[in-house]
Every structure is written in C-alpha cells, then in structure tokens.
N, C-alpha and C. Protein backbone atom coordinates (compact mmCIF):
# COMPACT_ATOMS: atom_id res chain seq x y z
N UNK A 1 -18.42 -11.19 -1.55
CA UNK A 1 -17.48 -11.84 -1.46
C UNK A 1 -16.72 -12.37 -0.24
N UNK A 2 -16.73 -13.29 0.28
CA UNK A 2 -16.03 -13.93 1.54
C UNK A 2 -15.00 -13.68 1.87
N UNK A 3 -14.63 -13.14 3.05
CA UNK A 3 -13.38 -12.89 3.34
C UNK A 3 -12.66 -13.88 3.50
N UNK A 4 -11.19 -13.84 3.17
CA UNK A 4 -10.42 -15.09 2.74
C UNK A 4 -9.11 -14.84 3.69
N UNK A 5 -9.55 -13.96 4.60
CA UNK A 5 -8.34 -13.39 5.74
C UNK A 5 -8.28 -15.14 6.81
N UNK A 6 -7.06 -15.38 6.91
CA UNK A 6 -6.85 -16.31 8.04
C UNK A 6 -6.45 -16.22 9.77
N UNK A 7 -6.30 -15.16 9.41
CA UNK A 7 -6.19 -13.93 10.76
C UNK A 7 -6.28 -12.76 10.65
N UNK A 8 -6.63 -11.79 11.23
CA UNK A 8 -6.76 -10.17 11.49
C UNK A 8 -5.45 -9.77 11.95
N UNK A 9 -4.95 -8.86 11.00
CA UNK A 9 -3.57 -8.30 11.45
C UNK A 9 -4.03 -7.04 11.65
N UNK A 10 -2.82 -6.53 12.96
CA UNK A 10 -3.14 -5.51 13.53
C UNK A 10 -1.75 -4.59 13.11
N UNK A 11 -1.59 -3.21 13.24
CA UNK A 11 -0.47 -2.61 13.39
C UNK A 11 -0.44 -1.82 14.47
N UNK A 12 0.92 -1.42 14.87
CA UNK A 12 0.99 -0.60 15.96
C UNK A 12 1.89 0.44 15.63
N UNK A 13 2.41 1.22 16.66
CA UNK A 13 3.29 2.63 16.39
C UNK A 13 4.54 2.02 15.76
N UNK A 14 5.30 1.09 16.30
CA UNK A 14 6.57 0.77 15.47
C UNK A 14 6.06 0.34 14.25
N UNK A 15 5.16 -0.39 14.27
CA UNK A 15 5.14 -1.15 12.95
C UNK A 15 3.04 -1.35 12.07
N UNK A 16 3.15 -0.09 11.89
CA UNK A 16 2.03 0.27 11.19
C UNK A 16 1.35 -0.95 10.30
N UNK A 17 0.33 -0.70 9.81
CA UNK A 17 -0.67 -1.86 9.03
C UNK A 17 -0.80 -1.08 7.48
N UNK A 18 -0.14 -1.41 6.95
CA UNK A 18 -0.45 -1.05 5.40
C UNK A 18 -1.29 -1.93 4.65
N UNK A 19 -2.67 -1.03 4.64
CA UNK A 19 -4.01 -1.91 3.97
C UNK A 19 -3.97 -1.47 2.28
N UNK A 20 -4.25 -2.73 1.51
CA UNK A 20 -4.18 -2.23 -0.15
C UNK A 20 -5.81 -2.68 -0.13
N UNK A 21 -6.11 -1.87 -1.28
CA UNK A 21 -8.06 -2.08 -1.50
C UNK A 21 -7.95 -1.90 -3.09
N UNK A 22 -8.31 -3.08 -3.82
CA UNK A 22 -8.16 -2.72 -5.06
C UNK A 22 -9.26 -2.79 -6.05
N UNK A 23 -9.93 -1.94 -6.54
CA UNK A 23 -11.02 -1.79 -7.53
C UNK A 23 -10.88 -2.93 -8.65
N UNK A 24 -11.86 -2.25 -9.69
CA UNK A 24 -11.47 -2.81 -11.40
C UNK A 24 -10.68 -1.82 -11.54
N UNK A 25 -10.70 -0.99 -11.37
CA UNK A 25 -9.57 0.28 -11.86
C UNK A 25 -8.79 0.91 -11.08
N UNK A 26 -8.75 1.05 -9.92
CA UNK A 26 -8.11 1.79 -9.19
C UNK A 26 -7.03 0.78 -7.72
N UNK A 27 -6.29 1.60 -7.24
CA UNK A 27 -5.68 0.87 -6.22
C UNK A 27 -5.59 1.74 -4.96
N UNK A 28 -6.24 1.55 -3.67
CA UNK A 28 -5.63 2.46 -2.81
C UNK A 28 -5.04 1.77 -1.64
N UNK A 29 -4.14 2.39 -1.08
CA UNK A 29 -2.83 2.07 0.05
C UNK A 29 -3.23 3.15 1.15
N UNK A 30 -3.29 2.75 2.31
CA UNK A 30 -3.45 3.16 3.42
C UNK A 30 -2.62 2.53 4.54
N UNK A 31 -1.64 3.57 5.27
CA UNK A 31 -0.67 3.17 6.74
C UNK A 31 -1.68 3.63 7.98
N UNK A 32 -1.98 2.78 8.39
CA UNK A 32 -2.51 2.55 9.65
C UNK A 32 -2.30 1.82 11.10
N UNK A 33 -2.27 2.80 12.22
CA UNK A 33 -1.75 2.57 13.65
C UNK A 33 -3.19 2.21 14.52
N UNK A 34 -3.16 1.23 14.15
CA UNK A 34 -4.67 0.24 15.01
C UNK A 34 -4.16 0.62 16.53
N UNK A 35 -3.27 0.89 17.32
CA UNK A 35 -3.28 1.31 18.85
C UNK A 35 -3.89 2.59 18.74
N UNK A 36 -3.47 3.61 18.13
CA UNK A 36 -3.81 4.77 18.09
C UNK A 36 -5.23 5.18 17.58
N UNK A 37 -5.90 3.92 16.75
CA UNK A 37 -6.75 4.42 15.72
C UNK A 37 -6.42 5.54 14.55
N UNK A 38 -5.69 5.43 13.92
CA UNK A 38 -5.21 6.84 13.11
C UNK A 38 -4.38 6.06 11.92
N UNK A 39 -4.87 6.90 10.90
CA UNK A 39 -4.37 6.82 9.51
C UNK A 39 -3.14 7.93 9.38
N UNK A 40 -2.22 7.15 9.23
CA UNK A 40 -0.94 7.87 8.98
C UNK A 40 -0.42 8.04 7.43
N UNK A 41 -0.69 7.39 6.73
CA UNK A 41 -0.51 8.09 5.34
C UNK A 41 -1.80 7.17 4.45
N UNK A 42 -2.11 7.84 3.34
CA UNK A 42 -2.93 7.74 2.18
C UNK A 42 -2.65 7.89 0.77
N UNK A 43 -3.18 7.20 0.09
CA UNK A 43 -3.00 7.12 -1.27
C UNK A 43 -3.67 6.45 -2.11
N UNK A 44 -3.92 6.91 -3.33
CA UNK A 44 -4.65 6.66 -4.43
C UNK A 44 -4.11 6.93 -5.38
N UNK A 45 -4.38 5.85 -6.81
CA UNK A 45 -3.46 6.13 -7.82
C UNK A 45 -3.93 7.45 -8.82
N UNK A 46 -5.26 8.18 -8.13
CA UNK A 46 -6.11 8.77 -9.15
C UNK A 46 -5.70 10.54 -7.98
N UNK A 47 -4.53 10.26 -6.85
CA UNK A 47 -4.54 11.57 -6.32
C UNK A 47 -3.52 12.40 -6.83
N UNK A 48 -3.81 13.74 -6.75
CA UNK A 48 -2.70 14.68 -7.46
C UNK A 48 -1.61 14.47 -7.20
N UNK A 49 -0.88 14.38 -5.87
CA UNK A 49 0.58 14.01 -5.70
C UNK A 49 1.17 12.51 -6.30
N UNK A 50 0.17 11.62 -6.80
CA UNK A 50 0.75 10.91 -7.50
C UNK A 50 0.45 10.75 -8.84
N UNK A 51 -0.01 11.76 -9.27
CA UNK A 51 -0.71 11.73 -10.96
C UNK A 51 0.56 11.79 -11.73
N UNK A 52 1.39 12.76 -11.46
CA UNK A 52 2.71 13.21 -12.21
C UNK A 52 3.59 11.81 -12.27
N UNK A 53 4.13 11.04 -11.14
CA UNK A 53 4.65 10.19 -11.25
C UNK A 53 4.07 8.89 -11.97
N UNK A 54 2.84 8.63 -11.83
CA UNK A 54 2.06 7.50 -12.75
C UNK A 54 1.54 7.62 -13.86
N UNK A 55 2.09 8.89 -14.44
CA UNK A 55 1.81 9.19 -15.64
C UNK A 55 2.40 8.30 -17.00
N UNK A 56 3.72 8.07 -16.54
CA UNK A 56 4.48 7.02 -17.88
C UNK A 56 4.24 5.63 -17.54
N UNK A 57 3.18 5.11 -16.63
CA UNK A 57 2.87 3.65 -16.44
C UNK A 57 1.70 3.48 -17.40
N UNK A 58 1.68 2.38 -18.22
CA UNK A 58 0.77 2.09 -19.08
C UNK A 58 -0.11 1.20 -18.80
N UNK A 59 0.24 -0.03 -18.00
CA UNK A 59 -1.02 -0.66 -17.61
C UNK A 59 -1.03 -0.52 -15.82
N UNK A 60 -2.19 -1.11 -15.61
CA UNK A 60 -2.76 -1.40 -14.40
C UNK A 60 -1.67 -1.58 -12.83
N UNK A 61 -0.68 -2.76 -13.69
CA UNK A 61 0.06 -3.35 -12.42
C UNK A 61 1.88 -2.42 -12.57
N UNK A 62 1.49 -1.80 -13.86
CA UNK A 62 2.95 -0.61 -13.39
C UNK A 62 2.45 0.26 -12.76
N UNK A 63 1.39 0.92 -12.54
CA UNK A 63 0.67 2.04 -12.27
C UNK A 63 0.98 1.49 -10.29
N UNK A 64 0.91 0.20 -10.23
CA UNK A 64 0.45 -0.16 -8.72
C UNK A 64 2.01 -0.39 -8.17
N UNK A 65 2.75 -0.63 -9.25
CA UNK A 65 4.43 -0.76 -8.78
C UNK A 65 4.87 0.38 -8.47
N UNK A 66 4.45 1.28 -9.66
CA UNK A 66 4.96 2.59 -8.92
C UNK A 66 4.33 3.49 -8.13
N UNK A 67 3.14 3.18 -7.78
CA UNK A 67 2.51 3.74 -6.55
C UNK A 67 3.18 3.24 -5.45
N UNK A 68 3.54 1.63 -5.35
CA UNK A 68 3.99 1.04 -4.12
C UNK A 68 5.65 2.02 -3.43
N UNK A 69 6.33 2.27 -4.84
CA UNK A 69 7.40 2.74 -4.58
C UNK A 69 7.29 4.46 -3.98
N UNK A 70 6.56 5.08 -4.45
CA UNK A 70 5.93 6.55 -4.22
C UNK A 70 5.42 6.43 -2.83
N UNK A 71 4.78 5.23 -2.45
CA UNK A 71 3.91 5.13 -0.96
C UNK A 71 5.15 5.22 -0.22
N UNK A 72 6.33 4.34 -0.19
CA UNK A 72 7.25 3.57 0.36
C UNK A 72 8.25 5.42 0.78
N UNK A 73 8.19 5.47 -0.27
CA UNK A 73 9.07 7.02 -0.11
C UNK A 73 8.11 8.12 0.93
N UNK A 74 7.22 7.95 0.72
CA UNK A 74 6.10 9.39 1.77
C UNK A 74 6.41 8.43 3.07
N UNK A 75 6.26 6.96 3.40
CA UNK A 75 6.12 6.23 4.43
C UNK A 75 7.36 7.03 5.34
N UNK A 76 8.81 6.61 4.20
CA UNK A 76 9.90 7.18 4.92
C UNK A 76 10.23 8.95 5.25
N UNK A 77 9.39 9.35 4.69
CA UNK A 77 9.34 10.53 5.45
C UNK A 77 8.77 10.85 6.49
N UNK A 78 7.72 10.17 7.05
CA UNK A 78 7.06 10.13 8.20
C UNK A 78 8.10 9.12 9.22
N UNK A 79 9.24 8.40 8.87
CA UNK A 79 9.94 7.68 9.42
C UNK A 79 9.48 6.05 10.15
N UNK A 80 8.61 5.59 8.60
CA UNK A 80 8.10 4.47 9.03
C UNK A 80 8.78 3.60 7.89
N UNK A 81 9.55 2.56 8.34
CA UNK A 81 10.43 1.76 7.59
C UNK A 81 9.64 0.24 7.79
N UNK A 82 9.42 0.04 9.04
CA UNK A 82 8.88 -1.46 8.83
C UNK A 82 7.56 -1.64 9.04
N UNK A 83 6.85 -2.43 8.68
CA UNK A 83 5.34 -2.63 8.31
C UNK A 83 4.62 -3.92 8.36
N UNK A 84 3.63 -3.94 8.46
CA UNK A 84 2.51 -5.39 8.59
C UNK A 84 1.72 -4.69 7.31
N UNK A 85 1.92 -5.98 6.40
CA UNK A 85 1.21 -5.84 4.97
C UNK A 85 -0.15 -6.65 5.25
N UNK A 86 -1.05 -5.72 5.06
CA UNK A 86 -2.85 -6.39 4.69
C UNK A 86 -2.97 -6.08 3.62
N UNK A 87 -3.09 -7.57 3.02
CA UNK A 87 -3.94 -7.44 1.65
C UNK A 87 -5.37 -7.62 1.43
N UNK A 88 -5.89 -7.48 2.57
CA UNK A 88 -7.30 -6.98 2.46
C UNK A 88 -8.27 -8.51 1.84
N UNK A 89 -7.73 -9.18 2.17
CA UNK A 89 -8.65 -11.05 1.38
C UNK A 89 -7.94 -11.03 0.10
N UNK A 90 -7.06 -10.32 -0.69
CA UNK A 90 -7.06 -10.32 -1.92
C UNK A 90 -5.88 -11.47 -2.17
N UNK A 91 -6.04 -11.99 -3.22
CA UNK A 91 -4.94 -12.94 -3.61
C UNK A 91 -3.57 -12.00 -3.56
N UNK A 92 -2.44 -12.81 -3.18
CA UNK A 92 -0.81 -11.95 -3.34
C UNK A 92 -0.74 -12.43 -4.86
N UNK A 93 -1.27 -11.60 -5.70
CA UNK A 93 -1.24 -11.92 -7.10
C UNK A 93 -1.41 -10.44 -7.81
N UNK A 94 -0.80 -10.23 -9.09
CA UNK A 94 -0.90 -8.91 -10.00
C UNK A 94 -0.77 -7.94 -9.15
N UNK A 95 -1.92 -6.79 -9.04
CA UNK A 95 -1.80 -5.59 -8.82
C UNK A 95 -1.19 -5.68 -7.39
N UNK A 96 -1.78 -6.26 -6.33
CA UNK A 96 -1.31 -6.51 -5.62
C UNK A 96 0.21 -6.84 -4.71
N UNK A 97 0.26 -7.99 -5.71
CA UNK A 97 1.62 -8.34 -5.72
C UNK A 97 2.96 -6.91 -6.18
N UNK A 98 2.45 -6.59 -7.35
CA UNK A 98 3.11 -5.01 -7.68
C UNK A 98 3.64 -4.43 -6.56
N UNK A 99 2.43 -3.83 -6.03
CA UNK A 99 1.98 -2.82 -5.21
C UNK A 99 3.19 -3.53 -4.11
N UNK A 100 2.90 -4.13 -3.44
CA UNK A 100 3.99 -4.94 -2.65
C UNK A 100 5.47 -4.64 -2.92
N UNK A 101 5.84 -5.37 -4.00
CA UNK A 101 7.11 -5.31 -4.63
C UNK A 101 7.61 -3.65 -4.66
N UNK A 102 6.92 -3.15 -5.32
CA UNK A 102 7.27 -1.61 -5.22
C UNK A 102 7.69 -1.03 -4.03
N UNK A 103 6.92 -1.14 -2.86
CA UNK A 103 6.86 -0.94 -1.76
C UNK A 103 8.14 -1.32 -1.20
N UNK A 104 8.55 -2.46 -1.29
CA UNK A 104 9.67 -3.19 -1.08
C UNK A 104 10.80 -2.40 -1.44
N UNK A 105 11.03 -2.22 -3.05
CA UNK A 105 12.13 -1.69 -3.85
C UNK A 105 12.23 -0.25 -3.10
N UNK A 106 10.99 0.52 -2.59
CA UNK A 106 11.21 2.06 -2.08
C UNK A 106 12.08 1.76 -0.78
N UNK A 107 11.68 0.82 -0.06
CA UNK A 107 12.72 0.52 1.22
C UNK A 107 12.03 0.57 2.41
N UNK A 108 10.85 0.01 2.36
CA UNK A 108 9.98 -0.82 3.08
C UNK A 108 9.98 -2.03 3.28
N UNK A 109 9.87 -2.75 4.75
CA UNK A 109 10.72 -3.99 5.61
C UNK A 109 9.26 -4.31 5.76
N UNK A 110 8.36 -5.29 5.22
CA UNK A 110 7.46 -6.36 5.71
C UNK A 110 7.82 -7.30 6.79
C-alpha cells in the first residue's frame, strides 16, 4: 500500500508526535520525541493497563475512542498537552478519527 502522506511530521520535546497504527483488529498509539529519538508513551488496546477501561466498549470505534481518552490521561501525567498528530498515512476516518476525538476530549491539543 503506498504511503499517502503529503509531508513527514516531526515531533519535538515541546510537541511530541502522536503516531497511530491501525490493524484489522487493534489500534496502537505511541508518543514519540523525534529530537531525542525516544518513545515517551505507548498504548495498545489489548495492553493490561487499558483492558479494564475498554471492556465496556462493544465496537472497535468505541474502543478506539476510549483508548484515546485513556492515552490523553497518561500523556497528561507525563506533562504533555500539546502534540503533533501523525495518522501514519491512514485516512482521518473511522477508528483513527475516533481515537483523535477521544484524545482531544481527554485534554490533548493538536
């Protein structure tokens, strides 16, 4: 599948990059500081820390939205509120959009 990015987005220490990966079953998210080449935070909808919160969600979109809120809460604990959103070539639609909206509701500023 060709990459549909128009430009490559880079994260900094002040505004790290939120990368979203979507498979057919799951969604992954990472907060990356490209200037130091570090992953600050990583989440996966089947991780132990997220499983209890996501049990009530019935659809994949609901799980993505709840994961976005949970991700925002954990990012705020690391004192990150402003981010750059990297949809990783995916269309801003469906689960990617649900994750982004959940992250915004959780307090992250894109």
